Amino acid sequence: MLVISTVNEWRVAHPGASLGLLELSGVENPHSSPELDKRKRELEARLREHYQGFTRQDFLSLPVMSAYERYYKRFDKTYHVLLQVESIVLKGRNLPNVSPLVDANFMAEVDTLVLTAGHDVARLLEPVLMDVSRAGDQITRMDGTSKAIRAGDMIMRDAQGISCTILYGQDNRSPISAQTSKVLYVAYAPAGVPLESVETQVRMIADNIRLFSPNSIVERHQLLSA
């Protein structure tokens, strides 16, 4: 397992926050998965039925969504999972097809509304720290551009730099690829998100992965609280 720890600055800056960690080895990441695609269609239908008639304010009144909206509002941003759920429910769009290991996470994310990132363990360099951004921090985003990060955001660092932030997403060093055999998912939950929702998110990702990678091994299933 990776050596992962939280720093005191994270706990001080984000009291009441929590993290869900899911690390698996021996995973497969095939080009596609009919079983996962079937679950996608079932999830889309369930979301559209459950949220039928919802407006944006209705979505924002949901406890989990409300907690993220408060967090993002501090930085003058909109929670992107809100936009994704709206596109599925209100615009009839389908869940994307990136790769099964990526899609397994995204499916759980639009179900629980809990923000989660997925990393290739082999591309992370210990120690891995759950931290808070500081003035001068930067991340190289997945498109290769460098982005200055506002201070105070929840982030993950490894020995090479910032790997992920709530506001700006993942870096371009550690994303999941077709060659990924060990994977780490990190659920980021600001204060107000029930710990039960984080646990459900982690469990749903693992359940989705079993559809196409039944021999994967759970190395870590852990919840951390500030």
C-alpha atoms as a PDB file:
ATOM      1  CA  MET A   1       0.000   0.000   0.000  1.00  0.00           C
ATOM      2  CA  LEU A   2       0.974   3.592  -0.502  1.00  0.00           C
ATOM      3  CA  VAL A   3       2.067   5.590   2.511  1.00  0.00           C
ATOM      4  CA  ILE A   4      -0.755   8.156   2.838  1.00  0.00           C
ATOM      5  CA  SER A   5      -1.227  10.613   5.697  1.00  0.00           C
ATOM      6  CA  THR A   6      -2.981  13.859   6.522  1.00  0.00           C
ATOM      7  CA  VAL A   7      -1.177  16.991   7.634  1.00  0.00           C
ATOM      8  CA  ASN A   8      -2.278  19.159  10.515  1.00  0.00           C
ATOM      9  CA  GLU A   9      -2.884  22.139   8.223  1.00  0.00           C
ATOM     10  CA  TRP A  10      -5.615  20.170   6.430  1.00  0.00           C
ATOM     11  CA  ARG A  11      -7.355  19.371   9.707  1.00  0.00           C
ATOM     12  CA  VAL A  12      -7.125  22.987  10.900  1.00  0.00           C
ATOM     13  CA  ALA A  13      -8.260  24.544   7.613  1.00  0.00           C
ATOM     14  CA  HIS A  14     -11.158  22.126   7.023  1.00  0.00           C
ATOM     15  CA  PRO A  15     -12.729  21.051  10.316  1.00  0.00           C
ATOM     16  CA  GLY A  16     -15.504  18.559   9.753  1.00  0.00           C
ATOM     17  CA  ALA A  17     -14.121  17.462   6.379  1.00  0.00           C
ATOM     18  CA  SER A  18     -13.531  13.818   5.527  1.00  0.00           C
ATOM     19  CA  LEU A  19     -11.730  11.672   2.979  1.00  0.00           C
ATOM     20  CA  GLY A  20     -12.471   8.248   1.551  1.00  0.00           C
ATOM     21  CA  LEU A  21      -9.549   6.163   0.320  1.00  0.00           C
ATOM     22  CA  LEU A  22      -9.886   3.080  -1.867  1.00  0.00           C
ATOM     23  CA  GLU A  23      -6.736   1.388  -3.142  1.00  0.00           C
ATOM     24  CA  LEU A  24      -6.885  -1.732  -5.299  1.00  0.00           C
ATOM     25  CA  SER A  25      -4.262  -3.943  -6.903  1.00  0.00           C
ATOM     26  CA  GLY A  26      -4.517  -6.491  -9.679  1.00  0.00           C
ATOM     27  CA  VAL A  27      -7.114  -4.416 -11.498  1.00  0.00           C
ATOM     28  CA  GLU A  28      -7.931  -4.753 -15.179  1.00  0.00           C
ATOM     29  CA  ASN A  29      -8.918  -1.803 -17.327  1.00  0.00           C
ATOM     30  CA  PRO A  30     -10.352  -3.293 -20.527  1.00  0.00           C
ATOM     31  CA  HIS A  31     -11.374  -1.245 -23.543  1.00  0.00           C
ATOM     32  CA  SER A  32     -15.031  -1.690 -22.592  1.00  0.00           C
ATOM     33  CA  SER A  33     -17.324  -3.631 -20.272  1.00  0.00           C
ATOM     34  CA  PRO A  34     -20.826  -4.691 -21.334  1.00  0.00           C
ATOM     35  CA  GLU A  35     -21.725  -5.348 -17.703  1.00  0.00           C
ATOM     36  CA  LEU A  36     -20.675  -1.845 -16.677  1.00  0.00           C
ATOM     37  CA  ASP A  37     -22.507  -0.333 -19.661  1.00  0.00           C
ATOM     38  CA  LYS A  38     -25.681  -2.111 -18.584  1.00  0.00           C
ATOM     39  CA  ARG A  39     -25.327  -0.654 -15.084  1.00  0.00           C
ATOM     40  CA  LYS A  40     -24.805   2.792 -16.618  1.00  0.00           C
ATOM     41  CA  ARG A  41     -28.118   2.641 -18.444  1.00  0.00           C
ATOM     42  CA  GLU A  42     -29.860   1.480 -15.256  1.00  0.00           C
ATOM     43  CA  LEU A  43     -28.257   4.323 -13.281  1.00  0.00           C
ATOM     44  CA  GLU A  44     -29.261   6.944 -15.862  1.00  0.00           C
ATOM     45  CA  ALA A  45     -32.868   5.743 -15.768  1.00  0.00           C
ATOM     46  CA  ARG A  46     -32.902   5.728 -11.981  1.00  0.00           C
ATOM     47  CA  LEU A  47     -31.476   9.247 -11.717  1.00  0.00           C
ATOM     48  CA  ARG A  48     -33.987  10.641 -14.216  1.00  0.00           C
ATOM     49  CA  GLU A  49     -36.858   9.048 -12.361  1.00  0.00           C
ATOM     50  CA  HIS A  50     -35.621  10.089  -8.921  1.00  0.00           C
ATOM     51  CA  TYR A  51     -34.939  13.720  -9.880  1.00  0.00           C
ATOM     52  CA  GLN A  52     -37.841  14.183 -12.274  1.00  0.00           C
ATOM     53  CA  GLY A  53     -39.005  17.801 -12.212  1.00  0.00           C
ATOM     54  CA  PHE A  54     -35.993  19.047 -10.232  1.00  0.00           C
ATOM     55  CA  THR A  55     -34.724  22.584 -10.718  1.00  0.00           C
ATOM     56  CA  ARG A  56     -31.215  23.770  -9.885  1.00  0.00           C
ATOM     57  CA  GLN A  57     -32.447  25.014  -6.519  1.00  0.00           C
ATOM     58  CA  ASP A  58     -33.901  21.583  -5.810  1.00  0.00           C
ATOM     59  CA  PHE A  59     -30.532  20.002  -6.497  1.00  0.00           C
ATOM     60  CA  LEU A  60     -28.791  22.573  -4.319  1.00  0.00           C
ATOM     61  CA  SER A  61     -31.122  21.773  -1.446  1.00  0.00           C
ATOM     62  CA  LEU A  62     -29.786  18.209  -1.271  1.00  0.00           C
ATOM     63  CA  PRO A  63     -27.509  17.957   1.804  1.00  0.00           C
ATOM     64  CA  VAL A  64     -24.446  16.645  -0.036  1.00  0.00           C
ATOM     65  CA  MET A  65     -24.826  19.041  -2.967  1.00  0.00           C
ATOM     66  CA  SER A  66     -25.411  21.933  -0.582  1.00  0.00           C
ATOM     67  CA  ALA A  67     -22.165  21.202   1.288  1.00  0.00           C
ATOM     68  CA  TYR A  68     -20.131  21.228  -1.922  1.00  0.00           C
ATOM     69  CA  GLU A  69     -21.866  24.356  -3.165  1.00  0.00           C
ATOM     70  CA  ARG A  70     -20.865  26.172   0.041  1.00  0.00           C
ATOM     71  CA  TYR A  71     -17.278  25.029  -0.418  1.00  0.00           C
ATOM     72  CA  TYR A  72     -17.091  26.086  -4.071  1.00  0.00           C
ATOM     73  CA  LYS A  73     -18.846  29.384  -3.390  1.00  0.00           C
ATOM     74  CA  ARG A  74     -15.954  30.370  -1.129  1.00  0.00           C
ATOM     75  CA  PHE A  75     -13.806  30.353  -4.276  1.00  0.00           C
ATOM     76  CA  ASP A  76     -16.484  31.832  -6.596  1.00  0.00           C
ATOM     77  CA  LYS A  77     -16.928  28.548  -8.446  1.00  0.00           C
ATOM     78  CA  THR A  78     -19.775  26.106  -9.185  1.00  0.00           C
ATOM     79  CA  TYR A  79     -19.586  22.456  -8.181  1.00  0.00           C
ATOM     80  CA  HIS A  80     -19.014  20.633 -11.470  1.00  0.00           C
ATOM     81  CA  VAL A  81     -20.815  17.445 -10.359  1.00  0.00           C
ATOM     82  CA  LEU A  82     -23.982  19.566 -10.174  1.00  0.00           C
ATOM     83  CA  LEU A  83     -23.562  20.395 -13.856  1.00  0.00           C
ATOM     84  CA  GLN A  84     -22.913  16.757 -14.718  1.00  0.00           C
ATOM     85  CA  VAL A  85     -26.001  15.505 -12.896  1.00  0.00           C
ATOM     86  CA  GLU A  86     -28.093  18.211 -14.547  1.00  0.00           C
ATOM     87  CA  SER A  87     -26.837  17.124 -17.984  1.00  0.00           C
ATOM     88  CA  ILE A  88     -27.947  13.525 -17.330  1.00  0.00           C
ATOM     89  CA  VAL A  89     -31.278  14.317 -15.687  1.00  0.00           C
ATOM     90  CA  LEU A  90     -32.415  17.490 -17.438  1.00  0.00           C
ATOM     91  CA  LYS A  91     -30.716  17.187 -20.831  1.00  0.00           C
ATOM     92  CA  GLY A  92     -30.944  13.420 -21.316  1.00  0.00           C
ATOM     93  CA  ARG A  93     -27.240  12.913 -21.871  1.00  0.00           C
ATOM     94  CA  ASN A  94     -25.624   9.561 -21.189  1.00  0.00           C
ATOM     95  CA  LEU A  95     -22.720   8.779 -18.919  1.00  0.00           C
ATOM     96  CA  PRO A  96     -19.382   9.051 -20.763  1.00  0.00           C
ATOM     97  CA  ASN A  97     -17.213   6.171 -21.940  1.00  0.00           C
ATOM     98  CA  VAL A  98     -13.620   6.897 -20.921  1.00  0.00           C
ATOM     99  CA  SER A  99     -12.386   3.577 -19.549  1.00  0.00           C
ATOM    100  CA  PRO A 100     -13.990   1.165 -17.074  1.00  0.00           C
ATOM    101  CA  LEU A 101     -11.738   2.215 -14.170  1.00  0.00           C
ATOM    102  CA  VAL A 102     -12.588   5.884 -14.778  1.00  0.00           C
ATOM    103  CA  ASP A 103     -16.258   5.244 -15.498  1.00  0.00           C
ATOM    104  CA  ALA A 104     -16.685   3.123 -12.342  1.00  0.00           C
ATOM    105  CA  ASN A 105     -15.805   6.197 -10.298  1.00  0.00           C
ATOM    106  CA  PHE A 106     -17.860   8.676 -12.316  1.00  0.00           C
ATOM    107  CA  MET A 107     -20.952   6.495 -12.045  1.00  0.00           C
ATOM    108  CA  ALA A 108     -20.685   6.416  -8.264  1.00  0.00           C
ATOM    109  CA  GLU A 109     -19.968  10.152  -8.197  1.00  0.00           C
ATOM    110  CA  VAL A 110     -23.198  11.188  -9.946  1.00  0.00           C
ATOM    111  CA  ASP A 111     -25.106   8.775  -7.716  1.00  0.00           C
ATOM    112  CA  THR A 112     -23.762   9.845  -4.307  1.00  0.00           C
ATOM    113  CA  LEU A 113     -22.670  13.361  -5.451  1.00  0.00           C
ATOM    114  CA  VAL A 114     -19.341  12.830  -3.614  1.00  0.00           C
ATOM    115  CA  LEU A 115     -16.344  14.245  -5.498  1.00  0.00           C
ATOM    116  CA  THR A 116     -13.692  11.589  -6.185  1.00  0.00           C
ATOM    117  CA  ALA A 117     -10.425  11.381  -8.121  1.00  0.00           C
ATOM    118  CA  GLY A 118      -8.718   8.268  -9.465  1.00  0.00           C
ATOM    119  CA  HIS A 119      -4.930   7.806  -9.737  1.00  0.00           C
ATOM    120  CA  ASP A 120      -2.510   5.219 -11.079  1.00  0.00           C
ATOM    121  CA  VAL A 121      -0.585   4.131  -7.973  1.00  0.00           C
ATOM    122  CA  ALA A 122       2.552   3.423 -10.017  1.00  0.00           C
ATOM    123  CA  ARG A 123       2.678   7.096 -11.016  1.00  0.00           C
ATOM    124  CA  LEU A 124       2.574   8.432  -7.467  1.00  0.00           C
ATOM    125  CA  LEU A 125       5.762   8.870  -5.431  1.00  0.00           C
ATOM    126  CA  GLU A 126       5.587   8.505  -1.653  1.00  0.00           C
ATOM    127  CA  PRO A 127       4.908  10.083   0.686  1.00  0.00           C
ATOM    128  CA  VAL A 128       1.362  11.002  -0.318  1.00  0.00           C
ATOM    129  CA  LEU A 129      -0.094  13.793   1.789  1.00  0.00           C
ATOM    130  CA  MET A 130      -3.659  15.034   2.125  1.00  0.00           C
ATOM    131  CA  ASP A 131      -2.968  18.718   2.520  1.00  0.00           C
ATOM    132  CA  VAL A 132      -4.187  22.263   1.922  1.00  0.00           C
ATOM    133  CA  SER A 133      -2.945  24.570  -0.827  1.00  0.00           C
ATOM    134  CA  ARG A 134      -0.722  27.507  -0.036  1.00  0.00           C
ATOM    135  CA  ALA A 135       0.181  30.717  -1.844  1.00  0.00           C
ATOM    136  CA  GLY A 136       2.452  29.945  -4.782  1.00  0.00           C
ATOM    137  CA  ASP A 137       1.260  26.364  -5.291  1.00  0.00           C
ATOM    138  CA  GLN A 138       0.727  25.211  -8.879  1.00  0.00           C
ATOM    139  CA  ILE A 139      -0.580  22.108 -10.625  1.00  0.00           C
ATOM    140  CA  THR A 140       0.058  20.848 -14.136  1.00  0.00           C
ATOM    141  CA  ARG A 141      -3.437  19.966 -15.292  1.00  0.00           C
ATOM    142  CA  MET A 142      -4.395  16.979 -17.414  1.00  0.00           C
ATOM    143  CA  ASP A 143      -4.202  19.083 -20.581  1.00  0.00           C
ATOM    144  CA  GLY A 144      -0.581  19.971 -19.779  1.00  0.00           C
ATOM    145  CA  THR A 145      -1.192  23.580 -18.749  1.00  0.00           C
ATOM    146  CA  SER A 146       0.166  24.955 -15.505  1.00  0.00           C
ATOM    147  CA  LYS A 147      -2.381  26.458 -13.119  1.00  0.00           C
ATOM    148  CA  ALA A 148      -1.775  28.590 -10.055  1.00  0.00           C
ATOM    149  CA  ILE A 149      -3.883  27.302  -7.167  1.00  0.00           C
ATOM    150  CA  ARG A 150      -5.699  29.517  -4.734  1.00  0.00           C
ATOM    151  CA  ALA A 151      -4.696  29.067  -1.125  1.00  0.00           C
ATOM    152  CA  GLY A 152      -6.988  27.071   1.139  1.00  0.00           C
ATOM    153  CA  ASP A 153      -8.140  24.330  -1.253  1.00  0.00           C
ATOM    154  CA  MET A 154      -8.101  20.664  -0.209  1.00  0.00           C
ATOM    155  CA  ILE A 155      -5.359  18.914  -2.172  1.00  0.00           C
ATOM    156  CA  MET A 156      -3.264  15.778  -2.441  1.00  0.00           C
ATOM    157  CA  ARG A 157       0.515  16.027  -2.813  1.00  0.00           C
ATOM    158  CA  ASP A 158       3.096  13.397  -3.544  1.00  0.00           C
ATOM    159  CA  ALA A 159       6.882  13.767  -3.602  1.00  0.00           C
ATOM    160  CA  GLN A 160       6.701  15.206  -7.139  1.00  0.00           C
ATOM    161  CA  GLY A 161       4.150  17.925  -6.455  1.00  0.00           C
ATOM    162  CA  ILE A 162       0.400  18.445  -6.326  1.00  0.00           C
ATOM    163  CA  SER A 163      -1.535  15.486  -7.690  1.00  0.00           C
ATOM    164  CA  CYS A 164      -5.100  16.737  -7.247  1.00  0.00           C
ATOM    165  CA  THR A 165      -7.162  19.626  -5.924  1.00  0.00           C
ATOM    166  CA  ILE A 166     -10.886  19.889  -5.327  1.00  0.00           C
ATOM    167  CA  LEU A 167     -11.204  23.034  -7.440  1.00  0.00           C
ATOM    168  CA  TYR A 168      -8.897  22.226 -10.358  1.00  0.00           C
ATOM    169  CA  GLY A 169      -8.950  18.444 -10.599  1.00  0.00           C
ATOM    170  CA  GLN A 170      -6.076  16.057 -11.272  1.00  0.00           C
ATOM    171  CA  ASP A 171      -2.551  16.505 -12.560  1.00  0.00           C
ATOM    172  CA  ASN A 172      -1.202  15.071 -15.810  1.00  0.00           C
ATOM    173  CA  ARG A 173       1.248  12.673 -14.110  1.00  0.00           C
ATOM    174  CA  SER A 174      -0.969  10.223 -12.266  1.00  0.00           C
ATOM    175  CA  PRO A 175      -4.261   9.695 -14.123  1.00  0.00           C
ATOM    176  CA  ILE A 176      -5.606   6.208 -14.759  1.00  0.00           C
ATOM    177  CA  SER A 177      -4.555   4.692 -18.093  1.00  0.00           C
ATOM    178  CA  ALA A 178      -5.081   1.475 -20.025  1.00  0.00           C
ATOM    179  CA  GLN A 179      -1.931   0.098 -18.355  1.00  0.00           C
ATOM    180  CA  THR A 180      -3.059   0.816 -14.785  1.00  0.00           C
ATOM    181  CA  SER A 181      -2.877  -2.258 -12.538  1.00  0.00           C
ATOM    182  CA  LYS A 182      -2.962  -0.525  -9.155  1.00  0.00           C
ATOM    183  CA  VAL A 183      -5.412   2.300  -8.550  1.00  0.00           C
ATOM    184  CA  LEU A 184      -6.142   4.806  -5.788  1.00  0.00           C
ATOM    185  CA  TYR A 185      -9.469   6.609  -5.480  1.00  0.00           C
ATOM    186  CA  VAL A 186      -9.726   9.604  -3.165  1.00  0.00           C
ATOM    187  CA  ALA A 187     -13.128  11.013  -2.195  1.00  0.00           C
ATOM    188  CA  TYR A 188     -12.952  14.629  -0.996  1.00  0.00           C
ATOM    189  CA  ALA A 189     -15.795  15.685   1.292  1.00  0.00           C
ATOM    190  CA  PRO A 190     -15.991  19.163   2.848  1.00  0.00           C
ATOM    191  CA  ALA A 191     -17.800  19.790   6.115  1.00  0.00           C
ATOM    192  CA  GLY A 192     -21.490  18.980   5.838  1.00  0.00           C
ATOM    193  CA  VAL A 193     -21.107  15.867   3.695  1.00  0.00           C
ATOM    194  CA  PRO A 194     -22.224  12.904   5.849  1.00  0.00           C
ATOM    195  CA  LEU A 195     -19.528  10.328   6.456  1.00  0.00           C
ATOM    196  CA  GLU A 196     -22.061   7.701   5.390  1.00  0.00           C
ATOM    197  CA  SER A 197     -22.144   9.266   1.911  1.00  0.00           C
ATOM    198  CA  VAL A 198     -18.359   8.994   1.629  1.00  0.00           C
ATOM    199  CA  GLU A 199     -18.492   5.359   2.701  1.00  0.00           C
ATOM    200  CA  THR A 200     -21.220   4.670   0.137  1.00  0.00           C
ATOM    201  CA  GLN A 201     -19.118   6.310  -2.575  1.00  0.00           C
ATOM    202  CA  VAL A 202     -16.097   4.138  -1.840  1.00  0.00           C
ATOM    203  CA  ARG A 203     -18.213   0.983  -1.687  1.00  0.00           C
ATOM    204  CA  MET A 204     -20.004   1.788  -4.970  1.00  0.00           C
ATOM    205  CA  ILE A 205     -16.715   2.254  -6.826  1.00  0.00           C
ATOM    206  CA  ALA A 206     -15.501  -1.121  -5.593  1.00  0.00           C
ATOM    207  CA  ASP A 207     -18.798  -2.751  -6.574  1.00  0.00           C
ATOM    208  CA  ASN A 208     -18.603  -1.276 -10.077  1.00  0.00           C
ATOM    209  CA  ILE A 209     -15.019  -2.479 -10.542  1.00  0.00           C
ATOM    210  CA  ARG A 210     -15.972  -6.042  -9.631  1.00  0.00           C
ATOM    211  CA  LEU A 211     -18.155  -6.138 -12.750  1.00  0.00           C
ATOM    212  CA  PHE A 212     -15.135  -6.103 -15.078  1.00  0.00           C
ATOM    213  CA  SER A 213     -12.209  -6.887 -12.753  1.00  0.00           C
ATOM    214  CA  PRO A 214     -13.497  -9.566 -10.357  1.00  0.00           C
ATOM    215  CA  ASN A 215     -10.015 -10.610  -9.230  1.00  0.00           C
ATOM    216  CA  SER A 216      -8.949  -7.149  -8.053  1.00  0.00           C
ATOM    217  CA  ILE A 217      -7.739  -6.952  -4.455  1.00  0.00           C
ATOM    218  CA  VAL A 218      -8.782  -4.213  -2.035  1.00  0.00           C
ATOM    219  CA  GLU A 219      -5.576  -3.053  -0.371  1.00  0.00           C
ATOM    220  CA  ARG A 220      -7.129  -0.088   1.445  1.00  0.00           C
ATOM    221  CA  HIS A 221     -10.679   0.936   2.286  1.00  0.00           C
ATOM    222  CA  GLN A 222     -10.351   3.799   4.724  1.00  0.00           C
ATOM    223  CA  LEU A 223     -12.209   6.883   5.938  1.00  0.00           C
ATOM    224  CA  LEU A 224     -10.373   9.856   7.448  1.00  0.00           C
ATOM    225  CA  SER A 225     -11.916  12.802   9.256  1.00  0.00           C
ATOM    226  CA  ALA A 226     -10.546  16.230  10.109  1.00  0.00           C
END
